[in-house]
Amino acid sequence: MARTARSIHARKKRRKTLDQAKGYKGTKHTSYKRAKEQVWKSGVYAYEGRKQRKRDFRRLWIQRINAAARQNGLSYSQFMNGVRLAEVDLDRKVLADLAATEPAAFAAVASQAKGALGGQSAE
């Protein structure tokens, strides 16, 4: 069987890796070996970052809801319990947006939550 010439494919593969390594410091953007290591590690960081972003946004939403709830006389946990009891179907992302951009609408939701907490049965 004849030998396969790999030069074109190998060069293309290396060029792709070096193009992905554009902007890296030192030999990481010129040396194929170092670039390959860093591009792989960058992929690991990107994968972890996509998970981290979800955690970060949830923490931010909780902080915003807590601050707005306290302005309306409730703690975060009381507010969320009241929202659940009042069967208000808004998630944390929407509640945080209301808290930041429309305080009057958030105050209305908070008053509903307070009402639901007041009429809570002792089970």
PDB file of N, CA and C in Angstrom:
ATOM      1  N   MET A   1       0.851  -1.176   0.000  1.00  0.00           N
ATOM      2  CA  MET A   1       0.000   0.000   0.000  1.00  0.00           C
ATOM      3  C   MET A   1       0.894   1.235   0.000  1.00  0.00           C
ATOM      4  N   ALA A   2       0.467   2.229  -0.733  1.00  0.00           N
ATOM      5  CA  ALA A   2       1.265   3.456  -0.848  1.00  0.00           C
ATOM      6  C   ALA A   2       1.134   4.297   0.409  1.00  0.00           C
ATOM      7  N   ARG A   3       2.183   5.043   0.675  1.00  0.00           N
ATOM      8  CA  ARG A   3       2.195   5.936   1.841  1.00  0.00           C
ATOM      9  C   ARG A   3       1.329   7.166   1.550  1.00  0.00           C
ATOM     10  N   THR A   4       0.582   7.611   2.550  1.00  0.00           N
ATOM     11  CA  THR A   4      -0.269   8.786   2.382  1.00  0.00           C
ATOM     12  C   THR A   4       0.510  10.037   2.729  1.00  0.00           C
ATOM     13  N   ALA A   5       0.436  11.027   1.883  1.00  0.00           N
ATOM     14  CA  ALA A   5       1.112  12.306   2.155  1.00  0.00           C
ATOM     15  C   ALA A   5       0.236  13.122   3.095  1.00  0.00           C
ATOM     16  N   ARG A   6       0.769  13.463   4.260  1.00  0.00           N
ATOM     17  CA  ARG A   6      -0.019  14.163   5.272  1.00  0.00           C
ATOM     18  C   ARG A   6       0.282  15.656   5.316  1.00  0.00           C
ATOM     19  N   SER A   7       1.244  16.108   4.528  1.00  0.00           N
ATOM     20  CA  SER A   7       1.742  17.472   4.728  1.00  0.00           C
ATOM     21  C   SER A   7       0.634  18.521   4.679  1.00  0.00           C
ATOM     22  N   ILE A   8      -0.287  18.407   3.747  1.00  0.00           N
ATOM     23  CA  ILE A   8      -1.341  19.419   3.610  1.00  0.00           C
ATOM     24  C   ILE A   8      -2.254  19.407   4.833  1.00  0.00           C
ATOM     25  N   HIS A   9      -2.678  18.216   5.226  1.00  0.00           N
ATOM     26  CA  HIS A   9      -3.592  18.109   6.360  1.00  0.00           C
ATOM     27  C   HIS A   9      -2.917  18.501   7.670  1.00  0.00           C
ATOM     28  N   ALA A  10      -1.681  18.090   7.828  1.00  0.00           N
ATOM     29  CA  ALA A  10      -0.961  18.410   9.060  1.00  0.00           C
ATOM     30  C   ALA A  10      -0.758  19.915   9.181  1.00  0.00           C
ATOM     31  N   ARG A  11      -0.390  20.539   8.060  1.00  0.00           N
ATOM     32  CA  ARG A  11      -0.186  21.986   8.075  1.00  0.00           C
ATOM     33  C   ARG A  11      -1.492  22.726   8.380  1.00  0.00           C
ATOM     34  N   LYS A  12      -2.572  22.235   7.795  1.00  0.00           N
ATOM     35  CA  LYS A  12      -3.892  22.837   8.014  1.00  0.00           C
ATOM     36  C   LYS A  12      -4.297  22.736   9.494  1.00  0.00           C
ATOM     37  N   LYS A  13      -4.030  21.569  10.071  1.00  0.00           N
ATOM     38  CA  LYS A  13      -4.359  21.329  11.482  1.00  0.00           C
ATOM     39  C   LYS A  13      -3.553  22.263  12.396  1.00  0.00           C
ATOM     40  N   ARG A  14      -2.268  22.371  12.102  1.00  0.00           N
ATOM     41  CA  ARG A  14      -1.408  23.252  12.909  1.00  0.00           C
ATOM     42  C   ARG A  14      -1.805  24.708  12.742  1.00  0.00           C
ATOM     43  N   ARG A  15      -2.120  25.112  11.527  1.00  0.00           N
ATOM     44  CA  ARG A  15      -2.526  26.492  11.263  1.00  0.00           C
ATOM     45  C   ARG A  15      -3.807  26.826  12.024  1.00  0.00           C
ATOM     46  N   LYS A  16      -4.734  25.881  12.059  1.00  0.00           N
ATOM     47  CA  LYS A  16      -6.005  26.089  12.773  1.00  0.00           C
ATOM     48  C   LYS A  16      -5.749  26.318  14.261  1.00  0.00           C
ATOM     49  N   THR A  17      -4.872  25.501  14.838  1.00  0.00           N
ATOM     50  CA  THR A  17      -4.532  25.653  16.259  1.00  0.00           C
ATOM     51  C   THR A  17      -3.842  26.988  16.515  1.00  0.00           C
ATOM     52  N   LEU A  18      -2.911  27.351  15.654  1.00  0.00           N
ATOM     53  CA  LEU A  18      -2.199  28.617  15.832  1.00  0.00           C
ATOM     54  C   LEU A  18      -3.138  29.813  15.630  1.00  0.00           C
ATOM     55  N   ASP A  19      -4.119  29.678  14.744  1.00  0.00           N
ATOM     56  CA  ASP A  19      -5.114  30.750  14.580  1.00  0.00           C
ATOM     57  C   ASP A  19      -5.976  30.885  15.839  1.00  0.00           C
ATOM     58  N   GLN A  20      -6.302  29.756  16.459  1.00  0.00           N
ATOM     59  CA  GLN A  20      -7.086  29.799  17.698  1.00  0.00           C
ATOM     60  C   GLN A  20      -6.285  30.424  18.835  1.00  0.00           C
ATOM     61  N   ALA A  21      -4.943  30.346  18.747  1.00  0.00           N
ATOM     62  CA  ALA A  21      -4.072  30.852  19.810  1.00  0.00           C
ATOM     63  C   ALA A  21      -3.703  32.318  19.606  1.00  0.00           C
ATOM     64  N   LYS A  22      -4.320  32.980  18.644  1.00  0.00           N
ATOM     65  CA  LYS A  22      -4.029  34.387  18.401  1.00  0.00           C
ATOM     66  C   LYS A  22      -4.334  35.203  19.656  1.00  0.00           C
ATOM     67  N   GLY A  23      -3.428  36.083  20.011  1.00  0.00           N
ATOM     68  CA  GLY A  23      -3.647  36.935  21.182  1.00  0.00           C
ATOM     69  C   GLY A  23      -3.025  36.389  22.451  1.00  0.00           C
ATOM     70  N   TYR A  24      -2.545  35.159  22.428  1.00  0.00           N
ATOM     71  CA  TYR A  24      -1.888  34.607  23.610  1.00  0.00           C
ATOM     72  C   TYR A  24      -0.492  35.200  23.733  1.00  0.00           C
ATOM     73  N   LYS A  25       0.022  35.272  24.960  1.00  0.00           N
ATOM     74  CA  LYS A  25       1.341  35.854  25.196  1.00  0.00           C
ATOM     75  C   LYS A  25       2.459  34.831  25.034  1.00  0.00           C
ATOM     76  N   GLY A  26       3.657  35.344  24.808  1.00  0.00           N
ATOM     77  CA  GLY A  26       4.849  34.499  24.769  1.00  0.00           C
ATOM     78  C   GLY A  26       4.844  33.544  23.588  1.00  0.00           C
ATOM     79  N   THR A  27       5.382  32.353  23.822  1.00  0.00           N
ATOM     80  CA  THR A  27       5.470  31.372  22.738  1.00  0.00           C
ATOM     81  C   THR A  27       4.145  30.657  22.511  1.00  0.00           C
ATOM     82  N   LYS A  28       3.141  30.971  23.320  1.00  0.00           N
ATOM     83  CA  LYS A  28       1.862  30.279  23.201  1.00  0.00           C
ATOM     84  C   LYS A  28       1.132  30.632  21.907  1.00  0.00           C
ATOM     85  N   HIS A  29       1.533  31.698  21.234  1.00  0.00           N
ATOM     86  CA  HIS A  29       0.880  32.022  19.972  1.00  0.00           C
ATOM     87  C   HIS A  29       1.779  31.762  18.766  1.00  0.00           C
ATOM     88  N   THR A  30       3.022  31.309  19.005  1.00  0.00           N
ATOM     89  CA  THR A  30       3.913  31.020  17.887  1.00  0.00           C
ATOM     90  C   THR A  30       4.327  29.555  17.837  1.00  0.00           C
ATOM     91  N   SER A  31       4.576  28.940  18.972  1.00  0.00           N
ATOM     92  CA  SER A  31       5.009  27.549  19.015  1.00  0.00           C
ATOM     93  C   SER A  31       3.789  26.633  18.979  1.00  0.00           C
ATOM     94  N   TYR A  32       3.745  25.705  18.031  1.00  0.00           N
ATOM     95  CA  TYR A  32       2.591  24.812  17.902  1.00  0.00           C
ATOM     96  C   TYR A  32       2.370  24.003  19.170  1.00  0.00           C
ATOM     97  N   LYS A  33       3.458  23.473  19.741  1.00  0.00           N
ATOM     98  CA  LYS A  33       3.326  22.634  20.933  1.00  0.00           C
ATOM     99  C   LYS A  33       2.702  23.422  22.085  1.00  0.00           C
ATOM    100  N   ARG A  34       3.207  24.615  22.353  1.00  0.00           N
ATOM    101  CA  ARG A  34       2.676  25.443  23.445  1.00  0.00           C
ATOM    102  C   ARG A  34       1.261  25.929  23.126  1.00  0.00           C
ATOM    103  N   ALA A  35       1.039  26.268  21.861  1.00  0.00           N
ATOM    104  CA  ALA A  35      -0.291  26.739  21.454  1.00  0.00           C
ATOM    105  C   ALA A  35      -1.324  25.635  21.632  1.00  0.00           C
ATOM    106  N   LYS A  36      -0.954  24.418  21.261  1.00  0.00           N
ATOM    107  CA  LYS A  36      -1.881  23.284  21.382  1.00  0.00           C
ATOM    108  C   LYS A  36      -2.269  23.065  22.839  1.00  0.00           C
ATOM    109  N   GLU A  37      -1.283  23.136  23.737  1.00  0.00           N
ATOM    110  CA  GLU A  37      -1.560  22.966  25.170  1.00  0.00           C
ATOM    111  C   GLU A  37      -2.497  24.059  25.670  1.00  0.00           C
ATOM    112  N   GLN A  38      -2.214  25.311  25.278  1.00  0.00           N
ATOM    113  CA  GLN A  38      -2.997  26.429  25.791  1.00  0.00           C
ATOM    114  C   GLN A  38      -4.403  26.464  25.198  1.00  0.00           C
ATOM    115  N   VAL A  39      -4.539  26.115  23.923  1.00  0.00           N
ATOM    116  CA  VAL A  39      -5.871  26.076  23.301  1.00  0.00           C
ATOM    117  C   VAL A  39      -6.719  25.013  23.991  1.00  0.00           C
ATOM    118  N   TRP A  40      -6.117  23.861  24.304  1.00  0.00           N
ATOM    119  CA  TRP A  40      -6.853  22.815  25.011  1.00  0.00           C
ATOM    120  C   TRP A  40      -7.284  23.307  26.394  1.00  0.00           C
ATOM    121  N   LYS A  41      -6.352  23.932  27.116  1.00  0.00           N
ATOM    122  CA  LYS A  41      -6.664  24.426  28.457  1.00  0.00           C
ATOM    123  C   LYS A  41      -7.707  25.535  28.391  1.00  0.00           C
ATOM    124  N   SER A  42      -7.633  26.363  27.364  1.00  0.00           N
ATOM    125  CA  SER A  42      -8.626  27.424  27.194  1.00  0.00           C
ATOM    126  C   SER A  42     -10.015  26.841  26.994  1.00  0.00           C
ATOM    127  N   GLY A  43     -10.075  25.718  26.295  1.00  0.00           N
ATOM    128  CA  GLY A  43     -11.357  25.040  26.122  1.00  0.00           C
ATOM    129  C   GLY A  43     -11.908  24.538  27.438  1.00  0.00           C
ATOM    130  N   VAL A  44     -11.028  24.069  28.301  1.00  0.00           N
ATOM    131  CA  VAL A  44     -11.445  23.623  29.633  1.00  0.00           C
ATOM    132  C   VAL A  44     -11.997  24.805  30.426  1.00  0.00           C
ATOM    133  N   TYR A  45     -11.281  25.941  30.375  1.00  0.00           N
ATOM    134  CA  TYR A  45     -11.737  27.140  31.082  1.00  0.00           C
ATOM    135  C   TYR A  45     -13.091  27.607  30.547  1.00  0.00           C
ATOM    136  N   ALA A  46     -13.257  27.546  29.227  1.00  0.00           N
ATOM    137  CA  ALA A  46     -14.516  27.985  28.621  1.00  0.00           C
ATOM    138  C   ALA A  46     -15.674  27.096  29.066  1.00  0.00           C
ATOM    139  N   TYR A  47     -15.431  25.786  29.132  1.00  0.00           N
ATOM    140  CA  TYR A  47     -16.462  24.843  29.564  1.00  0.00           C
ATOM    141  C   TYR A  47     -16.868  25.132  31.008  1.00  0.00           C
ATOM    142  N   GLU A  48     -15.856  25.317  31.875  1.00  0.00           N
ATOM    143  CA  GLU A  48     -16.144  25.622  33.280  1.00  0.00           C
ATOM    144  C   GLU A  48     -16.842  26.966  33.406  1.00  0.00           C
ATOM    145  N   GLY A  49     -16.438  27.916  32.563  1.00  0.00           N
ATOM    146  CA  GLY A  49     -17.020  29.250  32.614  1.00  0.00           C
ATOM    147  C   GLY A  49     -18.494  29.261  32.277  1.00  0.00           C
ATOM    148  N   ARG A  50     -18.904  28.372  31.369  1.00  0.00           N
ATOM    149  CA  ARG A  50     -20.328  28.320  31.023  1.00  0.00           C
ATOM    150  C   ARG A  50     -21.154  27.842  32.204  1.00  0.00           C
ATOM    151  N   LYS A  51     -20.583  26.970  33.032  1.00  0.00           N
ATOM    152  CA  LYS A  51     -21.285  26.531  34.243  1.00  0.00           C
ATOM    153  C   LYS A  51     -21.244  27.636  35.316  1.00  0.00           C
ATOM    154  N   GLN A  52     -20.086  28.280  35.433  1.00  0.00           N
ATOM    155  CA  GLN A  52     -19.891  29.326  36.438  1.00  0.00           C
ATOM    156  C   GLN A  52     -20.832  30.506  36.193  1.00  0.00           C
ATOM    157  N   ARG A  53     -21.037  30.851  34.925  1.00  0.00           N
ATOM    158  CA  ARG A  53     -21.893  31.995  34.590  1.00  0.00           C
ATOM    159  C   ARG A  53     -23.309  31.812  35.134  1.00  0.00           C
ATOM    160  N   LYS A  54     -23.812  30.582  35.066  1.00  0.00           N
ATOM    161  CA  LYS A  54     -25.156  30.311  35.587  1.00  0.00           C
ATOM    162  C   LYS A  54     -25.215  30.541  37.092  1.00  0.00           C
ATOM    163  N   ARG A  55     -24.146  30.104  37.804  1.00  0.00           N
ATOM    164  CA  ARG A  55     -24.094  30.316  39.260  1.00  0.00           C
ATOM    165  C   ARG A  55     -23.988  31.796  39.589  1.00  0.00           C
ATOM    166  N   ASP A  56     -23.148  32.515  38.826  1.00  0.00           N
ATOM    167  CA  ASP A  56     -22.929  33.938  39.084  1.00  0.00           C
ATOM    168  C   ASP A  56     -24.213  34.739  38.895  1.00  0.00           C
ATOM    169  N   PHE A  57     -24.940  34.447  37.823  1.00  0.00           N
ATOM    170  CA  PHE A  57     -26.178  35.189  37.583  1.00  0.00           C
ATOM    171  C   PHE A  57     -27.219  34.892  38.656  1.00  0.00           C
ATOM    172  N   ARG A  58     -27.318  33.649  39.096  1.00  0.00           N
ATOM    173  CA  ARG A  58     -28.282  33.326  40.153  1.00  0.00           C
ATOM    174  C   ARG A  58     -27.949  34.096  41.429  1.00  0.00           C
ATOM    175  N   ARG A  59     -26.644  34.187  41.779  1.00  0.00           N
ATOM    176  CA  ARG A  59     -26.240  34.951  42.961  1.00  0.00           C
ATOM    177  C   ARG A  59     -26.597  36.426  42.814  1.00  0.00           C
ATOM    178  N   LEU A  60     -26.376  36.983  41.621  1.00  0.00           N
ATOM    179  CA  LEU A  60     -26.698  38.379  41.365  1.00  0.00           C
ATOM    180  C   LEU A  60     -28.194  38.626  41.499  1.00  0.00           C
ATOM    181  N   TRP A  61     -29.016  37.738  40.916  1.00  0.00           N
ATOM    182  CA  TRP A  61     -30.463  37.890  41.009  1.00  0.00           C
ATOM    183  C   TRP A  61     -30.919  37.842  42.456  1.00  0.00           C
ATOM    184  N   ILE A  62     -30.363  36.931  43.244  1.00  0.00           N
ATOM    185  CA  ILE A  62     -30.758  36.807  44.649  1.00  0.00           C
ATOM    186  C   ILE A  62     -30.395  38.080  45.416  1.00  0.00           C
ATOM    187  N   GLN A  63     -29.219  38.651  45.144  1.00  0.00           N
ATOM    188  CA  GLN A  63     -28.819  39.890  45.821  1.00  0.00           C
ATOM    189  C   GLN A  63     -29.761  41.034  45.481  1.00  0.00           C
ATOM    190  N   ARG A  64     -30.141  41.140  44.224  1.00  0.00           N
ATOM    191  CA  ARG A  64     -31.049  42.223  43.807  1.00  0.00           C
ATOM    192  C   ARG A  64     -32.432  42.051  44.415  1.00  0.00           C
ATOM    193  N   ILE A  65     -32.923  40.824  44.428  1.00  0.00           N
ATOM    194  CA  ILE A  65     -34.241  40.565  45.017  1.00  0.00           C
ATOM    195  C   ILE A  65     -34.203  40.844  46.515  1.00  0.00           C
ATOM    196  N   ASN A  66     -33.138  40.428  47.186  1.00  0.00           N
ATOM    197  CA  ASN A  66     -33.000  40.639  48.628  1.00  0.00           C
ATOM    198  C   ASN A  66     -33.009  42.130  48.955  1.00  0.00           C
ATOM    199  N   ALA A  67     -32.251  42.921  48.184  1.00  0.00           N
ATOM    200  CA  ALA A  67     -32.184  44.366  48.449  1.00  0.00           C
ATOM    201  C   ALA A  67     -33.557  45.014  48.272  1.00  0.00           C
ATOM    202  N   ALA A  68     -34.255  44.647  47.210  1.00  0.00           N
ATOM    203  CA  ALA A  68     -35.572  45.236  46.962  1.00  0.00           C
ATOM    204  C   ALA A  68     -36.599  44.734  47.972  1.00  0.00           C
ATOM    205  N   ALA A  69     -36.503  43.466  48.363  1.00  0.00           N
ATOM    206  CA  ALA A  69     -37.450  42.910  49.334  1.00  0.00           C
ATOM    207  C   ALA A  69     -37.282  43.608  50.679  1.00  0.00           C
ATOM    208  N   ARG A  70     -36.042  43.881  51.075  1.00  0.00           N
ATOM    209  CA  ARG A  70     -35.798  44.563  52.347  1.00  0.00           C
ATOM    210  C   ARG A  70     -36.333  45.986  52.334  1.00  0.00           C
ATOM    211  N   GLN A  71     -36.324  46.639  51.185  1.00  0.00           N
ATOM    212  CA  GLN A  71     -36.922  47.971  51.074  1.00  0.00           C
ATOM    213  C   GLN A  71     -38.431  47.909  51.261  1.00  0.00           C
ATOM    214  N   ASN A  72     -39.003  46.733  51.007  1.00  0.00           N
ATOM    215  CA  ASN A  72     -40.441  46.534  51.191  1.00  0.00           C
ATOM    216  C   ASN A  72     -40.770  45.811  52.486  1.00  0.00           C
ATOM    217  N   GLY A  73     -39.801  45.704  53.384  1.00  0.00           N
ATOM    218  CA  GLY A  73     -40.051  45.160  54.714  1.00  0.00           C
ATOM    219  C   GLY A  73     -40.050  43.646  54.821  1.00  0.00           C
ATOM    220  N   LEU A  74     -39.415  42.966  53.895  1.00  0.00           N
ATOM    221  CA  LEU A  74     -39.340  41.513  53.945  1.00  0.00           C
ATOM    222  C   LEU A  74     -37.898  41.073  53.754  1.00  0.00           C
ATOM    223  N   SER A  75     -37.553  39.925  54.323  1.00  0.00           N
ATOM    224  CA  SER A  75     -36.251  39.337  54.009  1.00  0.00           C
ATOM    225  C   SER A  75     -36.402  38.543  52.711  1.00  0.00           C
ATOM    226  N   TYR A  76     -35.291  38.114  52.155  1.00  0.00           N
ATOM    227  CA  TYR A  76     -35.345  37.354  50.903  1.00  0.00           C
ATOM    228  C   TYR A  76     -36.150  36.071  51.070  1.00  0.00           C
ATOM    229  N   SER A  77     -35.871  35.337  52.152  1.00  0.00           N
ATOM    230  CA  SER A  77     -36.549  34.050  52.330  1.00  0.00           C
ATOM    231  C   SER A  77     -38.052  34.242  52.565  1.00  0.00           C
ATOM    232  N   GLN A  78     -38.418  35.273  53.333  1.00  0.00           N
ATOM    233  CA  GLN A  78     -39.838  35.562  53.543  1.00  0.00           C
ATOM    234  C   GLN A  78     -40.508  35.928  52.222  1.00  0.00           C
ATOM    235  N   PHE A  79     -39.828  36.767  51.460  1.00  0.00           N
ATOM    236  CA  PHE A  79     -40.372  37.206  50.172  1.00  0.00           C
ATOM    237  C   PHE A  79     -40.591  36.019  49.235  1.00  0.00           C
ATOM    238  N   MET A  80     -39.582  35.167  49.108  1.00  0.00           N
ATOM    239  CA  MET A  80     -39.711  34.033  48.195  1.00  0.00           C
ATOM    240  C   MET A  80     -40.789  33.056  48.671  1.00  0.00           C
ATOM    241  N   ASN A  81     -40.904  32.864  49.983  1.00  0.00           N
ATOM    242  CA  ASN A  81     -41.951  32.010  50.514  1.00  0.00           C
ATOM    243  C   ASN A  81     -43.323  32.624  50.229  1.00  0.00           C
ATOM    244  N   GLY A  82     -43.442  33.929  50.414  1.00  0.00           N
ATOM    245  CA  GLY A  82     -44.706  34.611  50.129  1.00  0.00           C
ATOM    246  C   GLY A  82     -45.073  34.543  48.657  1.00  0.00           C
ATOM    247  N   VAL A  83     -44.093  34.692  47.788  1.00  0.00           N
ATOM    248  CA  VAL A  83     -44.340  34.594  46.341  1.00  0.00           C
ATOM    249  C   VAL A  83     -44.839  33.195  45.986  1.00  0.00           C
ATOM    250  N   ARG A  84     -44.224  32.190  46.608  1.00  0.00           N
ATOM    251  CA  ARG A  84     -44.650  30.812  46.344  1.00  0.00           C
ATOM    252  C   ARG A  84     -46.075  30.575  46.845  1.00  0.00           C
ATOM    253  N   LEU A  85     -46.385  31.090  48.061  1.00  0.00           N
ATOM    254  CA  LEU A  85     -47.727  30.915  48.616  1.00  0.00           C
ATOM    255  C   LEU A  85     -48.778  31.684  47.821  1.00  0.00           C
ATOM    256  N   ALA A  86     -48.396  32.854  47.300  1.00  0.00           N
ATOM    257  CA  ALA A  86     -49.324  33.667  46.511  1.00  0.00           C
ATOM    258  C   ALA A  86     -49.466  33.131  45.093  1.00  0.00           C
ATOM    259  N   GLU A  87     -48.683  32.104  44.764  1.00  0.00           N
ATOM    260  CA  GLU A  87     -48.699  31.476  43.449  1.00  0.00           C
ATOM    261  C   GLU A  87     -48.413  32.474  42.334  1.00  0.00           C
ATOM    262  N   VAL A  88     -47.441  33.365  42.608  1.00  0.00           N
ATOM    263  CA  VAL A  88     -46.956  34.281  41.583  1.00  0.00           C
ATOM    264  C   VAL A  88     -45.935  33.503  40.764  1.00  0.00           C
ATOM    265  N   ASP A  89     -46.167  33.414  39.466  1.00  0.00           N
ATOM    266  CA  ASP A  89     -45.345  32.557  38.616  1.00  0.00           C
ATOM    267  C   ASP A  89     -44.226  33.346  37.946  1.00  0.00           C
ATOM    268  N   LEU A  90     -43.332  33.937  38.742  1.00  0.00           N
ATOM    269  CA  LEU A  90     -42.186  34.677  38.208  1.00  0.00           C
ATOM    270  C   LEU A  90     -40.900  34.044  38.740  1.00  0.00           C
ATOM    271  N   ASP A  91     -39.926  33.864  37.857  1.00  0.00           N
ATOM    272  CA  ASP A  91     -38.660  33.291  38.306  1.00  0.00           C
ATOM    273  C   ASP A  91     -37.732  34.395  38.834  1.00  0.00           C
ATOM    274  N   ARG A  92     -36.585  33.993  39.356  1.00  0.00           N
ATOM    275  CA  ARG A  92     -35.663  34.952  39.976  1.00  0.00           C
ATOM    276  C   ARG A  92     -35.135  35.978  38.976  1.00  0.00           C
ATOM    277  N   LYS A  93     -34.932  35.545  37.748  1.00  0.00           N
ATOM    278  CA  LYS A  93     -34.424  36.462  36.725  1.00  0.00           C
ATOM    279  C   LYS A  93     -35.404  37.613  36.500  1.00  0.00           C
ATOM    280  N   VAL A  94     -36.682  37.298  36.364  1.00  0.00           N
ATOM    281  CA  VAL A  94     -37.706  38.318  36.128  1.00  0.00           C
ATOM    282  C   VAL A  94     -37.896  39.181  37.371  1.00  0.00           C
ATOM    283  N   LEU A  95     -37.902  38.552  38.546  1.00  0.00           N
ATOM    284  CA  LEU A  95     -38.058  39.319  39.785  1.00  0.00           C
ATOM    285  C   LEU A  95     -36.900  40.299  39.975  1.00  0.00           C
ATOM    286  N   ALA A  96     -35.678  39.865  39.668  1.00  0.00           N
ATOM    287  CA  ALA A  96     -34.518  40.747  39.794  1.00  0.00           C
ATOM    288  C   ALA A  96     -34.605  41.895  38.813  1.00  0.00           C
ATOM    289  N   ASP A  97     -35.096  41.633  37.607  1.00  0.00           N
ATOM    290  CA  ASP A  97     -35.256  42.692  36.611  1.00  0.00           C
ATOM    291  C   ASP A  97     -36.311  43.692  37.069  1.00  0.00           C
ATOM    292  N   LEU A  98     -37.408  43.200  37.634  1.00  0.00           N
ATOM    293  CA  LEU A  98     -38.437  44.094  38.181  1.00  0.00           C
ATOM    294  C   LEU A  98     -37.867  44.939  39.315  1.00  0.00           C
ATOM    295  N   ALA A  99     -37.083  44.320  40.173  1.00  0.00           N
ATOM    296  CA  ALA A  99     -36.495  45.029  41.307  1.00  0.00           C
ATOM    297  C   ALA A  99     -35.582  46.152  40.847  1.00  0.00           C
ATOM    298  N   ALA A 100     -34.837  45.918  39.768  1.00  0.00           N
ATOM    299  CA  ALA A 100     -33.861  46.905  39.291  1.00  0.00           C
ATOM    300  C   ALA A 100     -34.503  47.991  38.438  1.00  0.00           C
ATOM    301  N   THR A 101     -35.477  47.630  37.603  1.00  0.00           N
ATOM    302  CA  THR A 101     -35.997  48.589  36.630  1.00  0.00           C
ATOM    303  C   THR A 101     -37.379  49.146  36.961  1.00  0.00           C
ATOM    304  N   GLU A 102     -38.205  48.371  37.646  1.00  0.00           N
ATOM    305  CA  GLU A 102     -39.572  48.810  37.960  1.00  0.00           C
ATOM    306  C   GLU A 102     -39.901  48.564  39.425  1.00  0.00           C
ATOM    307  N   PRO A 103     -39.443  49.469  40.307  1.00  0.00           N
ATOM    308  CA  PRO A 103     -39.675  49.269  41.751  1.00  0.00           C
ATOM    309  C   PRO A 103     -41.154  49.225  42.130  1.00  0.00           C
ATOM    310  N   ALA A 104     -41.999  49.961  41.398  1.00  0.00           N
ATOM    311  CA  ALA A 104     -43.429  49.963  41.719  1.00  0.00           C
ATOM    312  C   ALA A 104     -44.044  48.589  41.468  1.00  0.00           C
ATOM    313  N   ALA A 105     -43.674  47.969  40.364  1.00  0.00           N
ATOM    314  CA  ALA A 105     -44.191  46.634  40.060  1.00  0.00           C
ATOM    315  C   ALA A 105     -43.675  45.619  41.076  1.00  0.00           C
ATOM    316  N   PHE A 106     -42.400  45.771  41.474  1.00  0.00           N
ATOM    317  CA  PHE A 106     -41.847  44.854  42.474  1.00  0.00           C
ATOM    318  C   PHE A 106     -42.562  45.049  43.809  1.00  0.00           C
ATOM    319  N   ALA A 107     -42.894  46.313  44.152  1.00  0.00           N
ATOM    320  CA  ALA A 107     -43.613  46.581  45.402  1.00  0.00           C
ATOM    321  C   ALA A 107     -44.985  45.906  45.391  1.00  0.00           C
ATOM    322  N   ALA A 108     -45.624  45.869  44.221  1.00  0.00           N
ATOM    323  CA  ALA A 108     -46.919  45.197  44.110  1.00  0.00           C
ATOM    324  C   ALA A 108     -46.767  43.695  44.356  1.00  0.00           C
ATOM    325  N   VAL A 109     -45.727  43.114  43.800  1.00  0.00           N
ATOM    326  CA  VAL A 109     -45.475  41.682  44.030  1.00  0.00           C
ATOM    327  C   VAL A 109     -45.159  41.441  45.506  1.00  0.00           C
ATOM    328  N   ALA A 110     -44.383  42.362  46.104  1.00  0.00           N
ATOM    329  CA  ALA A 110     -44.037  42.232  47.524  1.00  0.00           C
ATOM    330  C   ALA A 110     -45.284  42.314  48.397  1.00  0.00           C
ATOM    331  N   SER A 111     -46.218  43.197  48.049  1.00  0.00           N
ATOM    332  CA  SER A 111     -47.447  43.301  48.849  1.00  0.00           C
ATOM    333  C   SER A 111     -48.285  42.032  48.707  1.00  0.00           C
ATOM    334  N   GLN A 112     -48.273  41.419  47.516  1.00  0.00           N
ATOM    335  CA  GLN A 112     -48.959  40.138  47.348  1.00  0.00           C
ATOM    336  C   GLN A 112     -48.313  39.066  48.223  1.00  0.00           C
ATOM    337  N   ALA A 113     -46.975  39.084  48.251  1.00  0.00           N
ATOM    338  CA  ALA A 113     -46.243  38.109  49.061  1.00  0.00           C
ATOM    339  C   ALA A 113     -46.552  38.312  50.547  1.00  0.00           C
ATOM    340  N   LYS A 114     -46.604  39.577  50.975  1.00  0.00           N
ATOM    341  CA  LYS A 114     -46.951  39.878  52.373  1.00  0.00           C
ATOM    342  C   LYS A 114     -48.348  39.380  52.703  1.00  0.00           C
ATOM    343  N   GLY A 115     -49.278  39.627  51.802  1.00  0.00           N
ATOM    344  CA  GLY A 115     -50.662  39.165  52.001  1.00  0.00           C
ATOM    345  C   GLY A 115     -50.754  37.653  52.118  1.00  0.00           C
ATOM    346  N   ALA A 116     -49.997  36.973  51.289  1.00  0.00           N
ATOM    347  CA  ALA A 116     -50.008  35.505  51.338  1.00  0.00           C
ATOM    348  C   ALA A 116     -49.387  35.005  52.628  1.00  0.00           C
ATOM    349  N   LEU A 117     -48.357  35.703  53.122  1.00  0.00           N
ATOM    350  CA  LEU A 117     -47.728  35.310  54.380  1.00  0.00           C
ATOM    351  C   LEU A 117     -48.665  35.566  55.546  1.00  0.00           C
ATOM    352  N   GLY A 118     -49.457  36.650  55.473  1.00  0.00           N
ATOM    353  CA  GLY A 118     -50.396  36.985  56.549  1.00  0.00           C
ATOM    354  C   GLY A 118     -51.520  35.974  56.642  1.00  0.00           C
ATOM    355  N   GLY A 119     -51.994  35.469  55.504  1.00  0.00           N
ATOM    356  CA  GLY A 119     -53.095  34.514  55.490  1.00  0.00           C
ATOM    357  C   GLY A 119     -52.635  33.072  55.512  1.00  0.00           C
ATOM    358  N   GLN A 120     -51.366  32.866  55.889  1.00  0.00           N
ATOM    359  CA  GLN A 120     -50.793  31.517  55.888  1.00  0.00           C
ATOM    360  C   GLN A 120     -51.401  30.699  57.019  1.00  0.00           C
ATOM    361  N   SER A 121     -51.835  29.483  56.694  1.00  0.00           N
ATOM    362  CA  SER A 121     -52.421  28.612  57.719  1.00  0.00           C
ATOM    363  C   SER A 121     -51.294  27.902  58.473  1.00  0.00           C
ATOM    364  N   ALA A 122     -51.486  27.684  59.765  1.00  0.00           N
ATOM    365  CA  ALA A 122     -50.467  27.019  60.586  1.00  0.00           C
ATOM    366  C   ALA A 122     -50.622  25.514  60.408  1.00  0.00           C
ATOM    367  N   GLU A 123     -49.864  24.952  59.485  1.00  0.00           N
ATOM    368  CA  GLU A 123     -49.965  23.511  59.216  1.00  0.00           C
ATOM    369  C   GLU A 123     -48.834  22.764  59.855  1.00  0.00           C
TER     370      GLU A 123
END
